Amino acid sequence: MPRASEMAEVPMSDIMQQLRLADTAQIVVLDVEGKQVPYQITYDGKVLFPVNVEAAGSASYHIKEGHPVSVAVRTCGRYYPERKDD
């Protein structure tokens, strides 16, 4: 079954260690064609990005140091600790 826009998760600590990056370094995620893929770094230090994989196939993505392009924000959220129904 093909997978479209599934989320991949990679620990940022693994990326920093394998690429030997400084704490302030920025990264880019690239697909097989070299196009940047939007990503998000979560509060617990994981890099999330969408992947597309054909049925019974595989996909390769590369993460390297670089300056990510701006992307439009699609959604955002906030936790309100003062509200009991969140």
PDB file of N, CA and C in Angstrom:
ATOM      1  N   MET A   1       0.840  -1.164   0.000  1.00  0.00           N
ATOM      2  CA  MET A   1       0.000   0.000   0.000  1.00  0.00           C
ATOM      3  C   MET A   1       0.901   1.249   0.000  1.00  0.00           C
ATOM      4  N   PRO A   2       0.666   2.170  -0.889  1.00  0.00           N
ATOM      5  CA  PRO A   2       1.492   3.386  -0.903  1.00  0.00           C
ATOM      6  C   PRO A   2       1.243   4.250   0.330  1.00  0.00           C
ATOM      7  N   ARG A   3       2.279   4.917   0.751  1.00  0.00           N
ATOM      8  CA  ARG A   3       2.193   5.805   1.914  1.00  0.00           C
ATOM      9  C   ARG A   3       2.485   7.225   1.446  1.00  0.00           C
ATOM     10  N   ALA A   4       1.510   8.111   1.622  1.00  0.00           N
ATOM     11  CA  ALA A   4       1.677   9.504   1.208  1.00  0.00           C
ATOM     12  C   ALA A   4       1.632  10.405   2.439  1.00  0.00           C
ATOM     13  N   SER A   5       2.612  11.245   2.549  1.00  0.00           N
ATOM     14  CA  SER A   5       2.719  12.210   3.650  1.00  0.00           C
ATOM     15  C   SER A   5       2.684  11.549   5.028  1.00  0.00           C
ATOM     16  N   GLU A   6       3.293  10.387   5.145  1.00  0.00           N
ATOM     17  CA  GLU A   6       3.475   9.762   6.459  1.00  0.00           C
ATOM     18  C   GLU A   6       4.577  10.530   7.178  1.00  0.00           C
ATOM     19  N   MET A   7       4.544  10.527   8.485  1.00  0.00           N
ATOM     20  CA  MET A   7       5.535  11.281   9.244  1.00  0.00           C
ATOM     21  C   MET A   7       6.691  10.381   9.677  1.00  0.00           C
ATOM     22  N   ALA A   8       7.900  10.825   9.368  1.00  0.00           N
ATOM     23  CA  ALA A   8       9.113  10.150   9.820  1.00  0.00           C
ATOM     24  C   ALA A   8       9.644  10.914  11.023  1.00  0.00           C
ATOM     25  N   GLU A   9      10.310  10.200  11.904  1.00  0.00           N
ATOM     26  CA  GLU A   9      10.823  10.800  13.138  1.00  0.00           C
ATOM     27  C   GLU A   9      12.269  10.372  13.333  1.00  0.00           C
ATOM     28  N   VAL A  10      13.148  11.363  13.526  1.00  0.00           N
ATOM     29  CA  VAL A  10      14.566  11.097  13.762  1.00  0.00           C
ATOM     30  C   VAL A  10      14.998  11.921  14.979  1.00  0.00           C
ATOM     31  N   PRO A  11      15.652  11.309  15.949  1.00  0.00           N
ATOM     32  CA  PRO A  11      16.128  12.091  17.099  1.00  0.00           C
ATOM     33  C   PRO A  11      17.162  13.144  16.665  1.00  0.00           C
ATOM     34  N   MET A  12      16.948  14.374  17.070  1.00  0.00           N
ATOM     35  CA  MET A  12      17.875  15.451  16.736  1.00  0.00           C
ATOM     36  C   MET A  12      19.251  15.172  17.313  1.00  0.00           C
ATOM     37  N   SER A  13      19.312  14.513  18.455  1.00  0.00           N
ATOM     38  CA  SER A  13      20.607  14.190  19.064  1.00  0.00           C
ATOM     39  C   SER A  13      21.430  13.280  18.149  1.00  0.00           C
ATOM     40  N   ASP A  14      20.775  12.330  17.467  1.00  0.00           N
ATOM     41  CA  ASP A  14      21.481  11.463  16.522  1.00  0.00           C
ATOM     42  C   ASP A  14      22.025  12.258  15.338  1.00  0.00           C
ATOM     43  N   ILE A  15      21.230  13.199  14.854  1.00  0.00           N
ATOM     44  CA  ILE A  15      21.653  14.040  13.725  1.00  0.00           C
ATOM     45  C   ILE A  15      22.863  14.875  14.132  1.00  0.00           C
ATOM     46  N   MET A  16      22.768  15.527  15.300  1.00  0.00           N
ATOM     47  CA  MET A  16      23.857  16.382  15.764  1.00  0.00           C
ATOM     48  C   MET A  16      25.141  15.575  15.955  1.00  0.00           C
ATOM     49  N   GLN A  17      25.013  14.365  16.490  1.00  0.00           N
ATOM     50  CA  GLN A  17      26.180  13.528  16.755  1.00  0.00           C
ATOM     51  C   GLN A  17      26.799  13.016  15.454  1.00  0.00           C
ATOM     52  N   GLN A  18      25.983  12.499  14.550  1.00  0.00           N
ATOM     53  CA  GLN A  18      26.517  11.926  13.316  1.00  0.00           C
ATOM     54  C   GLN A  18      27.098  12.979  12.382  1.00  0.00           C
ATOM     55  N   LEU A  19      26.493  14.169  12.349  1.00  0.00           N
ATOM     56  CA  LEU A  19      27.005  15.225  11.478  1.00  0.00           C
ATOM     57  C   LEU A  19      28.018  16.122  12.184  1.00  0.00           C
ATOM     58  N   ARG A  20      28.220  15.883  13.481  1.00  0.00           N
ATOM     59  CA  ARG A  20      29.145  16.686  14.297  1.00  0.00           C
ATOM     60  C   ARG A  20      28.840  18.183  14.174  1.00  0.00           C
ATOM     61  N   LEU A  21      27.583  18.523  14.449  1.00  0.00           N
ATOM     62  CA  LEU A  21      27.129  19.902  14.323  1.00  0.00           C
ATOM     63  C   LEU A  21      27.188  20.628  15.655  1.00  0.00           C
ATOM     64  N   ALA A  22      27.361  21.935  15.583  1.00  0.00           N
ATOM     65  CA  ALA A  22      27.296  22.776  16.773  1.00  0.00           C
ATOM     66  C   ALA A  22      25.839  22.888  17.216  1.00  0.00           C
ATOM     67  N   ASP A  23      25.625  23.252  18.470  1.00  0.00           N
ATOM     68  CA  ASP A  23      24.259  23.380  18.987  1.00  0.00           C
ATOM     69  C   ASP A  23      23.426  24.401  18.224  1.00  0.00           C
ATOM     70  N   THR A  24      24.074  25.382  17.636  1.00  0.00           N
ATOM     71  CA  THR A  24      23.352  26.442  16.928  1.00  0.00           C
ATOM     72  C   THR A  24      23.192  26.164  15.435  1.00  0.00           C
ATOM     73  N   ALA A  25      23.687  25.050  14.960  1.00  0.00           N
ATOM     74  CA  ALA A  25      23.622  24.731  13.526  1.00  0.00           C
ATOM     75  C   ALA A  25      22.190  24.476  13.093  1.00  0.00           C
ATOM     76  N   GLN A  26      21.900  24.830  11.846  1.00  0.00           N
ATOM     77  CA  GLN A  26      20.596  24.540  11.259  1.00  0.00           C
ATOM     78  C   GLN A  26      20.750  23.390  10.277  1.00  0.00           C
ATOM     79  N   ILE A  27      19.657  22.684  10.043  1.00  0.00           N
ATOM     80  CA  ILE A  27      19.693  21.545   9.134  1.00  0.00           C
ATOM     81  C   ILE A  27      18.665  21.723   8.024  1.00  0.00           C
ATOM     82  N   VAL A  28      18.834  20.924   6.977  1.00  0.00           N
ATOM     83  CA  VAL A  28      17.834  20.804   5.924  1.00  0.00           C
ATOM     84  C   VAL A  28      17.591  19.317   5.694  1.00  0.00           C
ATOM     85  N   VAL A  29      16.372  18.988   5.313  1.00  0.00           N
ATOM     86  CA  VAL A  29      16.000  17.624   4.942  1.00  0.00           C
ATOM     87  C   VAL A  29      15.748  17.654   3.442  1.00  0.00           C
ATOM     88  N   LEU A  30      16.402  16.751   2.713  1.00  0.00           N
ATOM     89  CA  LEU A  30      16.296  16.725   1.255  1.00  0.00           C
ATOM     90  C   LEU A  30      15.728  15.399   0.786  1.00  0.00           C
ATOM     91  N   ASP A  31      14.858  15.458  -0.246  1.00  0.00           N
ATOM     92  CA  ASP A  31      14.369  14.219  -0.840  1.00  0.00           C
ATOM     93  C   ASP A  31      15.372  13.731  -1.866  1.00  0.00           C
ATOM     94  N   VAL A  32      15.055  12.656  -2.566  1.00  0.00           N
ATOM     95  CA  VAL A  32      15.996  12.045  -3.501  1.00  0.00           C
ATOM     96  C   VAL A  32      16.331  12.978  -4.678  1.00  0.00           C
ATOM     97  N   GLU A  33      15.440  13.925  -4.980  1.00  0.00           N
ATOM     98  CA  GLU A  33      15.685  14.891  -6.054  1.00  0.00           C
ATOM     99  C   GLU A  33      16.450  16.114  -5.573  1.00  0.00           C
ATOM    100  N   GLY A  34      16.759  16.172  -4.281  1.00  0.00           N
ATOM    101  CA  GLY A  34      17.494  17.298  -3.732  1.00  0.00           C
ATOM    102  C   GLY A  34      16.623  18.469  -3.330  1.00  0.00           C
ATOM    103  N   LYS A  35      15.302  18.287  -3.336  1.00  0.00           N
ATOM    104  CA  LYS A  35      14.384  19.349  -2.926  1.00  0.00           C
ATOM    105  C   LYS A  35      14.221  19.318  -1.416  1.00  0.00           C
ATOM    106  N   GLN A  36      14.160  20.515  -0.824  1.00  0.00           N
ATOM    107  CA  GLN A  36      13.983  20.588   0.624  1.00  0.00           C
ATOM    108  C   GLN A  36      12.596  20.122   1.024  1.00  0.00           C
ATOM    109  N   VAL A  37      12.550  19.400   2.114  1.00  0.00           N
ATOM    110  CA  VAL A  37      11.308  18.900   2.690  1.00  0.00           C
ATOM    111  C   VAL A  37      11.085  19.670   3.987  1.00  0.00           C
ATOM    112  N   PRO A  38       9.877  20.196   4.203  1.00  0.00           N
ATOM    113  CA  PRO A  38       9.646  20.917   5.458  1.00  0.00           C
ATOM    114  C   PRO A  38       9.729  19.962   6.644  1.00  0.00           C
ATOM    115  N   TYR A  39      10.203  20.469   7.763  1.00  0.00           N
ATOM    116  CA  TYR A  39      10.323  19.646   8.959  1.00  0.00           C
ATOM    117  C   TYR A  39      10.011  20.472  10.186  1.00  0.00           C
ATOM    118  N   GLN A  40       9.858  19.792  11.295  1.00  0.00           N
ATOM    119  CA  GLN A  40       9.602  20.446  12.573  1.00  0.00           C
ATOM    120  C   GLN A  40      10.423  19.747  13.646  1.00  0.00           C
ATOM    121  N   ILE A  41      10.991  20.521  14.539  1.00  0.00           N
ATOM    122  CA  ILE A  41      11.691  19.952  15.683  1.00  0.00           C
ATOM    123  C   ILE A  41      10.739  20.048  16.866  1.00  0.00           C
ATOM    124  N   THR A  42      10.459  18.914  17.488  1.00  0.00           N
ATOM    125  CA  THR A  42       9.497  18.869  18.576  1.00  0.00           C
ATOM    126  C   THR A  42      10.127  19.301  19.898  1.00  0.00           C
ATOM    127  N   TYR A  43       9.284  19.505  20.879  1.00  0.00           N
ATOM    128  CA  TYR A  43       9.741  19.930  22.203  1.00  0.00           C
ATOM    129  C   TYR A  43      10.675  18.899  22.847  1.00  0.00           C
ATOM    130  N   ASP A  44      10.525  17.630  22.454  1.00  0.00           N
ATOM    131  CA  ASP A  44      11.363  16.584  23.046  1.00  0.00           C
ATOM    132  C   ASP A  44      12.540  16.185  22.153  1.00  0.00           C
ATOM    133  N   GLY A  45      12.897  17.059  21.190  1.00  0.00           N
ATOM    134  CA  GLY A  45      14.122  16.873  20.417  1.00  0.00           C
ATOM    135  C   GLY A  45      14.063  15.876  19.281  1.00  0.00           C
ATOM    136  N   LYS A  46      12.907  15.772  18.634  1.00  0.00           N
ATOM    137  CA  LYS A  46      12.787  14.891  17.473  1.00  0.00           C
ATOM    138  C   LYS A  46      12.507  15.725  16.238  1.00  0.00           C
ATOM    139  N   VAL A  47      13.065  15.302  15.107  1.00  0.00           N
ATOM    140  CA  VAL A  47      12.809  15.965  13.835  1.00  0.00           C
ATOM    141  C   VAL A  47      11.721  15.171  13.123  1.00  0.00           C
ATOM    142  N   LEU A  48      10.620  15.845  12.800  1.00  0.00           N
ATOM    143  CA  LEU A  48       9.510  15.219  12.093  1.00  0.00           C
ATOM    144  C   LEU A  48       9.432  15.787  10.690  1.00  0.00           C
ATOM    145  N   PHE A  49       9.242  14.909   9.698  1.00  0.00           N
ATOM    146  CA  PHE A  49       9.071  15.372   8.326  1.00  0.00           C
ATOM    147  C   PHE A  49       8.229  14.367   7.546  1.00  0.00           C
ATOM    148  N   PRO A  50       7.469  14.849   6.528  1.00  0.00           N
ATOM    149  CA  PRO A  50       6.614  13.953   5.758  1.00  0.00           C
ATOM    150  C   PRO A  50       7.425  13.163   4.734  1.00  0.00           C
ATOM    151  N   VAL A  51       7.064  11.892   4.566  1.00  0.00           N
ATOM    152  CA  VAL A  51       7.718  11.038   3.574  1.00  0.00           C
ATOM    153  C   VAL A  51       6.660  10.397   2.680  1.00  0.00           C
ATOM    154  N   ASN A  52       7.043  10.111   1.458  1.00  0.00           N
ATOM    155  CA  ASN A  52       6.187   9.418   0.503  1.00  0.00           C
ATOM    156  C   ASN A  52       6.906   8.153   0.059  1.00  0.00           C
ATOM    157  N   VAL A  53       6.215   7.019   0.188  1.00  0.00           N
ATOM    158  CA  VAL A  53       6.808   5.733  -0.166  1.00  0.00           C
ATOM    159  C   VAL A  53       5.811   4.953  -1.014  1.00  0.00           C
ATOM    160  N   GLU A  54       6.273   4.475  -2.165  1.00  0.00           N
ATOM    161  CA  GLU A  54       5.414   3.659  -3.029  1.00  0.00           C
ATOM    162  C   GLU A  54       5.154   2.306  -2.374  1.00  0.00           C
ATOM    163  N   ALA A  55       4.103   1.629  -2.813  1.00  0.00           N
ATOM    164  CA  ALA A  55       3.780   0.301  -2.295  1.00  0.00           C
ATOM    165  C   ALA A  55       4.954  -0.640  -2.522  1.00  0.00           C
ATOM    166  N   ALA A  56       5.324  -1.386  -1.495  1.00  0.00           N
ATOM    167  CA  ALA A  56       6.444  -2.334  -1.541  1.00  0.00           C
ATOM    168  C   ALA A  56       7.745  -1.651  -1.975  1.00  0.00           C
ATOM    169  N   GLY A  57       7.876  -0.361  -1.688  1.00  0.00           N
ATOM    170  CA  GLY A  57       9.059   0.388  -2.101  1.00  0.00           C
ATOM    171  C   GLY A  57       9.849   0.897  -0.922  1.00  0.00           C
ATOM    172  N   SER A  58      10.768   1.777  -1.209  1.00  0.00           N
ATOM    173  CA  SER A  58      11.564   2.431  -0.182  1.00  0.00           C
ATOM    174  C   SER A  58      11.798   3.870  -0.610  1.00  0.00           C
ATOM    175  N   ALA A  59      12.214   4.675   0.314  1.00  0.00           N
ATOM    176  CA  ALA A  59      12.481   6.080   0.027  1.00  0.00           C
ATOM    177  C   ALA A  59      13.724   6.508   0.800  1.00  0.00           C
ATOM    178  N   SER A  60      14.474   7.424   0.227  1.00  0.00           N
ATOM    179  CA  SER A  60      15.681   7.943   0.871  1.00  0.00           C
ATOM    180  C   SER A  60      15.545   9.444   1.067  1.00  0.00           C
ATOM    181  N   TYR A  61      15.931   9.894   2.222  1.00  0.00           N
ATOM    182  CA  TYR A  61      15.960  11.316   2.537  1.00  0.00           C
ATOM    183  C   TYR A  61      17.312  11.601   3.167  1.00  0.00           C
ATOM    184  N   HIS A  62      17.840  12.777   2.906  1.00  0.00           N
ATOM    185  CA  HIS A  62      19.152  13.155   3.427  1.00  0.00           C
ATOM    186  C   HIS A  62      18.991  14.362   4.342  1.00  0.00           C
ATOM    187  N   ILE A  63      19.686  14.332   5.448  1.00  0.00           N
ATOM    188  CA  ILE A  63      19.696  15.455   6.387  1.00  0.00           C
ATOM    189  C   ILE A  63      21.120  15.974   6.441  1.00  0.00           C
ATOM    190  N   LYS A  64      21.257  17.279   6.242  1.00  0.00           N
ATOM    191  CA  LYS A  64      22.588  17.879   6.297  1.00  0.00           C
ATOM    192  C   LYS A  64      22.479  19.285   6.851  1.00  0.00           C
ATOM    193  N   GLU A  65      23.640  19.870   7.141  1.00  0.00           N
ATOM    194  CA  GLU A  65      23.663  21.243   7.636  1.00  0.00           C
ATOM    195  C   GLU A  65      23.269  22.178   6.503  1.00  0.00           C
ATOM    196  N   GLY A  66      22.482  23.193   6.825  1.00  0.00           N
ATOM    197  CA  GLY A  66      22.066  24.162   5.824  1.00  0.00           C
ATOM    198  C   GLY A  66      20.993  25.073   6.375  1.00  0.00           C
ATOM    199  N   HIS A  67      20.562  26.010   5.547  1.00  0.00           N
ATOM    200  CA  HIS A  67      19.532  26.968   5.935  1.00  0.00           C
ATOM    201  C   HIS A  67      18.216  26.572   5.278  1.00  0.00           C
ATOM    202  N   PRO A  68      17.213  26.195   6.079  1.00  0.00           N
ATOM    203  CA  PRO A  68      15.937  25.782   5.506  1.00  0.00           C
ATOM    204  C   PRO A  68      15.185  26.948   4.879  1.00  0.00           C
ATOM    205  N   VAL A  69      14.440  26.643   3.813  1.00  0.00           N
ATOM    206  CA  VAL A  69      13.595  27.655   3.188  1.00  0.00           C
ATOM    207  C   VAL A  69      12.380  27.895   4.077  1.00  0.00           C
ATOM    208  N   SER A  70      11.757  29.054   3.960  1.00  0.00           N
ATOM    209  CA  SER A  70      10.543  29.331   4.732  1.00  0.00           C
ATOM    210  C   SER A  70       9.386  28.526   4.150  1.00  0.00           C
ATOM    211  N   VAL A  71       8.531  28.080   5.023  1.00  0.00           N
ATOM    212  CA  VAL A  71       7.329  27.366   4.599  1.00  0.00           C
ATOM    213  C   VAL A  71       6.120  28.010   5.267  1.00  0.00           C
ATOM    214  N   ALA A  72       4.980  27.904   4.601  1.00  0.00           N
ATOM    215  CA  ALA A  72       3.747  28.460   5.158  1.00  0.00           C
ATOM    216  C   ALA A  72       3.300  27.609   6.341  1.00  0.00           C
ATOM    217  N   VAL A  73       2.886  28.265   7.402  1.00  0.00           N
ATOM    218  CA  VAL A  73       2.380  27.557   8.577  1.00  0.00           C
ATOM    219  C   VAL A  73       0.976  27.066   8.255  1.00  0.00           C
ATOM    220  N   ARG A  74       0.744  25.777   8.452  1.00  0.00           N
ATOM    221  CA  ARG A  74      -0.575  25.205   8.176  1.00  0.00           C
ATOM    222  C   ARG A  74      -1.444  25.151   9.425  1.00  0.00           C
ATOM    223  N   THR A  75      -0.818  24.926  10.539  1.00  0.00           N
ATOM    224  CA  THR A  75      -1.569  24.840  11.788  1.00  0.00           C
ATOM    225  C   THR A  75      -0.627  25.106  12.945  1.00  0.00           C
ATOM    226  N   CYS A  76      -1.180  25.421  14.065  1.00  0.00           N
ATOM    227  CA  CYS A  76      -0.378  25.595  15.270  1.00  0.00           C
ATOM    228  C   CYS A  76      -1.244  25.219  16.468  1.00  0.00           C
ATOM    229  N   GLY A  77      -0.606  24.998  17.561  1.00  0.00           N
ATOM    230  CA  GLY A  77      -1.340  24.617  18.755  1.00  0.00           C
ATOM    231  C   GLY A  77      -0.667  25.169  19.989  1.00  0.00           C
ATOM    232  N   ARG A  78      -1.409  25.197  21.048  1.00  0.00           N
ATOM    233  CA  ARG A  78      -0.869  25.677  22.314  1.00  0.00           C
ATOM    234  C   ARG A  78      -1.578  24.950  23.436  1.00  0.00           C
ATOM    235  N   TYR A  79      -0.839  24.582  24.446  1.00  0.00           N
ATOM    236  CA  TYR A  79      -1.391  23.959  25.639  1.00  0.00           C
ATOM    237  C   TYR A  79      -1.702  25.051  26.641  1.00  0.00           C
ATOM    238  N   TYR A  80      -2.915  25.054  27.145  1.00  0.00           N
ATOM    239  CA  TYR A  80      -3.345  26.022  28.148  1.00  0.00           C
ATOM    240  C   TYR A  80      -3.452  25.315  29.497  1.00  0.00           C
ATOM    241  N   PRO A  81      -2.431  25.396  30.340  1.00  0.00           N
ATOM    242  CA  PRO A  81      -2.457  24.662  31.611  1.00  0.00           C
ATOM    243  C   PRO A  81      -3.568  25.144  32.558  1.00  0.00           C
ATOM    244  N   GLU A  82      -4.032  26.364  32.376  1.00  0.00           N
ATOM    245  CA  GLU A  82      -5.079  26.877  33.267  1.00  0.00           C
ATOM    246  C   GLU A  82      -6.456  26.323  32.917  1.00  0.00           C
ATOM    247  N   ARG A  83      -6.581  25.701  31.735  1.00  0.00           N
ATOM    248  CA  ARG A  83      -7.870  25.123  31.355  1.00  0.00           C
ATOM    249  C   ARG A  83      -7.875  23.634  31.657  1.00  0.00           C
ATOM    250  N   LYS A  84      -8.934  23.155  32.230  1.00  0.00           N
ATOM    251  CA  LYS A  84      -9.000  21.752  32.651  1.00  0.00           C
ATOM    252  C   LYS A  84      -9.520  20.829  31.545  1.00  0.00           C
ATOM    253  N   ASP A  85     -10.058  21.389  30.449  1.00  0.00           N
ATOM    254  CA  ASP A  85     -10.636  20.542  29.392  1.00  0.00           C
ATOM    255  C   ASP A  85      -9.716  20.347  28.193  1.00  0.00           C
ATOM    256  N   ASP A  86      -8.451  20.780  28.263  1.00  0.00           N
ATOM    257  CA  ASP A  86      -7.518  20.582  27.146  1.00  0.00           C
ATOM    258  C   ASP A  86      -6.968  19.174  27.177  1.00  0.00           C
TER     259      ASP A  86
END
